[in-house]
Protein backbone atom coordinates (compact mmCIF):
# COMPACT_ATOMS: atom_id res chain seq x y z
CA MET A 1 2.77 18.10 0.46
CA LYS A 2 0.94 18.20 -2.88
CA ALA A 3 3.87 20.14 -4.37
CA CYS A 4 6.21 17.24 -3.53
CA ARG A 5 4.11 14.88 -5.62
CA THR A 6 3.65 17.39 -8.44
CA TYR A 7 7.35 18.16 -8.81
CA LYS A 8 8.68 14.77 -7.64
CA VAL A 9 10.67 16.27 -4.76
CA ASN A 10 11.98 14.12 -1.91
CA VAL A 11 11.93 15.70 1.56
CA HIS A 12 14.92 14.81 3.75
CA ASP A 13 14.09 17.17 6.62
CA TYR A 14 12.10 20.30 7.41
CA CYS A 15 11.22 22.69 10.20
CA LEU A 16 8.40 25.24 10.07
CA MET A 17 8.88 28.14 12.49
CA ASP A 18 6.70 31.21 13.09
CA ASN A 19 8.64 33.53 10.76
CA HIS A 20 10.73 31.22 8.57
CA TYR A 21 11.20 27.60 7.57
CA HIS A 22 13.96 25.21 6.57
CA LEU A 23 13.69 22.57 3.87
CA LEU A 24 16.25 19.87 3.13
CA ILE A 25 15.10 18.37 -0.16
CA GLN A 26 16.26 16.41 -3.19
CA THR A 27 14.95 17.41 -6.60
CA THR A 28 14.71 14.93 -9.48
CA SER A 29 14.75 17.60 -12.20
CA GLU A 30 15.61 21.28 -12.60
CA ASN A 31 12.37 22.54 -11.05
CA LEU A 32 13.36 23.96 -7.67
CA SER A 33 12.04 27.46 -8.40
CA LEU A 34 8.65 26.08 -9.50
CA PHE A 35 8.44 23.89 -6.40
CA MET A 36 9.31 26.75 -4.06
CA ARG A 37 6.86 29.08 -5.78
CA GLN A 38 4.03 26.61 -5.28
CA ILE A 39 4.67 25.79 -1.62
CA ASN A 40 5.11 29.48 -0.74
CA SER A 41 1.92 30.40 -2.57
CA ASN A 42 -0.11 27.51 -1.13
CA TYR A 43 1.03 28.12 2.43
CA ALA A 44 0.45 31.88 2.19
CA THR A 45 -3.09 31.24 0.93
CA TYR A 46 -3.75 28.80 3.78
CA PHE A 47 -2.24 31.09 6.43
CA ASN A 48 -4.03 34.25 5.22
CA LYS A 49 -7.37 32.47 5.12
CA LYS A 50 -6.91 30.97 8.59
CA TYR A 51 -5.88 34.23 10.23
CA LYS A 52 -8.03 36.54 8.07
CA ARG A 53 -5.15 38.54 6.62
CA SER A 54 -3.90 39.41 3.14
CA GLY A 55 -0.67 40.15 1.32
CA TYR A 56 2.73 38.47 1.21
CA LEU A 57 3.69 36.10 3.99
CA TRP A 58 7.42 35.61 3.41
CA GLN A 59 9.93 38.39 2.78
CA GLY A 60 12.66 38.03 0.19
CA ARG A 61 13.63 35.16 -2.09
CA TYR A 62 14.60 31.78 -0.71
CA ARG A 63 18.28 30.84 -0.48
CA SER A 64 19.54 27.42 -1.48
CA TRP A 65 22.77 25.41 -1.17
CA TYR A 66 23.94 22.06 -2.51
CA VAL A 67 24.72 19.22 -0.10
CA VAL A 68 27.58 17.03 -1.33
CA THR A 69 28.99 15.37 1.80
CA ASP A 70 27.51 13.22 4.58
CA GLU A 71 29.20 15.40 7.22
CA TYR A 72 27.38 18.47 5.90
CA LEU A 73 24.14 16.50 5.58
CA TYR A 74 24.12 15.38 9.22
CA GLY A 75 25.17 18.82 10.36
CA LEU A 76 22.12 20.22 8.57
CA PHE A 77 19.88 17.56 10.13
CA ARG A 78 21.00 18.68 13.58
CA TYR A 79 20.74 22.38 12.72
CA ILE A 80 17.20 22.03 11.35
CA GLU A 81 15.89 19.80 14.13
CA GLN A 82 17.46 22.01 16.82
CA ASN A 83 15.75 25.20 15.56
CA PRO A 84 12.81 24.92 18.02
CA ILE A 85 15.22 24.28 20.90
CA LYS A 86 17.34 27.28 19.93
CA ALA A 87 14.15 29.39 19.80
CA LYS A 88 13.22 28.04 23.27
CA ILE A 89 9.82 26.75 22.17
CA SER A 90 10.72 23.13 22.93
CA GLN A 91 13.21 21.35 25.12
CA LYS A 92 14.03 18.20 23.18
CA ILE A 93 14.22 16.83 19.65
CA GLY A 94 10.92 15.59 18.24
CA GLU A 95 8.80 17.53 20.72
CA TYR A 96 7.99 20.45 18.40
CA PRO A 97 5.37 19.09 15.94
CA PHE A 98 6.46 20.88 12.76
CA THR A 99 9.67 19.00 12.00
CA LEU A 100 10.30 15.81 10.09
CA LEU A 101 11.61 13.93 13.11
CA ALA A 102 8.42 14.74 15.05
CA SER A 103 6.33 13.59 12.07
CA LEU A 104 8.28 10.33 11.97
CA PHE A 105 7.90 9.79 15.72
CA HIS A 106 4.13 10.35 15.45
CA GLU A 107 3.82 8.39 12.17
CA ASN A 108 2.31 11.22 10.13
CA LYS A 109 1.59 9.23 6.97
CA GLU A 110 1.16 12.23 4.67
CA VAL A 111 4.56 13.65 5.59
CA ILE A 112 6.24 10.23 5.53
CA ALA A 113 4.96 9.69 1.97
CA CYS A 114 7.02 12.71 0.85
CA ALA A 115 10.03 11.68 2.95
CA LYS A 116 10.31 8.02 1.97
CA HIS A 117 13.89 8.55 0.75
CA SER A 118 15.03 10.59 3.75
CA ARG A 119 18.12 9.39 5.60
CA LEU A 120 16.30 10.19 8.85
CA LEU A 121 13.52 7.78 7.89
CA GLU A 122 16.10 5.11 7.03
CA GLU A 123 17.72 5.46 10.44
CA ILE A 124 14.69 6.17 12.65
CA GLU A 125 15.00 2.73 14.25
CA TYR A 126 18.63 3.34 15.17
CA GLU A 127 18.52 3.83 18.93
CA GLY A 128 21.19 6.53 18.90
CA ILE A 129 19.62 8.77 16.26
CA GLN A 130 17.80 10.97 18.77
CA ALA A 131 20.95 11.41 20.85
CA ILE A 132 22.87 12.41 17.71
CA MET A 133 20.21 14.93 16.73
CA GLU A 134 20.11 16.36 20.27
CA THR A 135 23.86 16.93 20.43
CA ILE A 136 24.00 20.72 20.30
CA LEU A 137 26.09 22.12 17.48
CA THR A 138 29.28 23.77 18.72
CA ASP A 139 30.43 27.16 17.49
CA ASP A 140 33.10 25.37 15.46
CA GLU A 141 30.51 23.12 13.81
CA LEU A 142 28.28 26.11 13.02
CA SER A 143 31.26 27.87 11.44
CA LYS A 144 31.92 24.79 9.30
CA LEU A 145 28.29 24.76 8.13
CA LYS A 146 28.58 28.39 7.06
CA LYS A 147 31.87 27.65 5.34
CA GLU A 148 30.29 24.77 3.42
CA GLN A 149 27.55 27.09 2.18
CA LYS A 150 30.13 29.46 0.71
CA ARG A 151 32.14 26.83 -1.16
CA LYS A 152 31.85 26.76 -4.93
CA ILE A 153 30.18 23.75 -6.52
CA VAL A 154 31.11 22.22 -9.88
CA HIS A 155 29.17 19.66 -11.91
CA LYS A 156 31.50 16.93 -13.17
CA GLU A 157 30.90 13.38 -14.33
CA HIS A 158 27.14 13.54 -13.57
CA GLU A 159 27.62 14.63 -9.96
CA TYR A 160 28.09 17.81 -7.96
CA LYS A 161 31.42 18.31 -6.20
CA TYR A 162 33.16 21.06 -4.30
CA GLU A 163 35.57 23.09 -6.35
CA LYS A 164 39.04 22.68 -4.83
CA GLU A 165 40.45 25.82 -3.25
CA LYS A 166 44.07 24.74 -3.84
CA SER A 167 45.99 22.16 -5.84
CA LEU A 168 47.88 19.48 -3.88
CA GLU A 169 51.11 21.25 -4.87
CA GLU A 170 49.83 24.41 -3.20
CA HIS A 171 48.69 22.56 -0.08
CA PHE A 172 52.14 21.01 0.48
CA SER A 173 54.46 23.66 -1.00
CA GLU A 174 55.42 25.32 2.29
CA MET A 175 55.58 22.37 4.66
CA VAL A 176 58.92 21.87 6.43
CA THR A 177 58.22 19.85 9.56
CA LYS A 178 56.13 16.69 9.98
CA LYS A 179 53.65 18.70 12.07
CA GLU A 180 53.16 21.12 9.17
CA ARG A 181 52.77 18.21 6.77
CA ASN A 182 50.13 16.58 8.96
CA LEU A 183 48.20 19.85 9.24
CA ALA A 184 48.38 20.24 5.45
CA ILE A 185 47.00 16.70 5.06
CA VAL A 186 43.95 17.55 7.17
CA GLU A 187 43.42 20.82 5.29
CA ALA A 188 43.67 19.02 1.93
CA ILE A 189 41.02 16.51 3.02
CA GLU A 190 38.78 19.37 4.14
CA ASP A 191 39.34 20.85 0.68
CA GLY A 192 37.81 17.72 -0.84
CA TYR A 193 40.82 15.54 -1.71
CA LYS A 194 40.59 11.82 -1.04
CA GLN A 195 43.05 10.15 1.30
CA VAL A 196 44.32 7.90 -1.49
CA GLU A 197 45.06 10.96 -3.68
CA ILE A 198 47.09 12.58 -0.90
CA ALA A 199 48.92 9.34 -0.10
CA GLU A 200 49.90 8.95 -3.74
CA PHE A 201 51.05 12.56 -3.99
CA LEU A 202 53.17 12.36 -0.81
CA ASN A 203 54.33 8.81 -1.57
CA ILE A 204 53.21 7.48 1.80
CA SER A 205 50.70 4.76 2.67
CA SER A 206 46.96 5.35 2.88
CA SER A 207 46.98 3.84 6.38
CA ALA A 208 49.45 6.52 7.47
CA ILE A 209 47.09 9.20 6.15
CA SER A 210 44.16 7.60 8.01
CA LYS A 211 46.14 7.53 11.24
CA ILE A 212 47.10 11.20 10.92
CA VAL A 213 43.49 12.19 10.25
CA SER A 214 42.14 10.14 13.18
CA VAL A 215 44.73 11.64 15.57
CA LYS A 216 43.87 15.17 14.41
CA SER A 217 40.15 14.47 14.77
CA GLY A 218 40.68 13.16 18.27
CA ASN A 219 42.54 16.32 19.25
CA SER A 220 39.94 18.72 17.81
């Protein structure tokens, strides 16, 4: 965790497996490559010394994605924490020791010091957090996570946002029936448009948009 202090990186979640690891972090400056280089080097040195081996430990360069929505964030929390369960080396969340949730449950002070801004730490007292994390990701949710990773990111007005795939005109150009309009509304929201933007474009109330979205969510 020395690298977190050196590069001022906040850990939001992690999971260390036998042949790979996941890190959900927040950088405070453009130093991700330096941070990753140090933790990979330090861990490889530690691992090689412990098991009397030499050479590279990890294969290939790390891959990284931006997180710009809470839905994606919580999906990643579940994906990361469920890795040991998927690998059948544990049966429940927090049981496998090398995850952030397990470190929080066991009050690992060194790890917590690097994760003091994590949303998991903020909500650890919430009695439903473990149930949420244990809810197995469906195939549809996994597909959405992969889709989020492929979306283009733009940096506007000091924040990162998804680049829209279509304009509102394109989203609603071919709608004929109310059912088609409602489906287009949901797709536009998934594309990153706000409900108030869609309501203004369609000249209907924001409450009507909210109702359509909630009905569609309930049917999915």
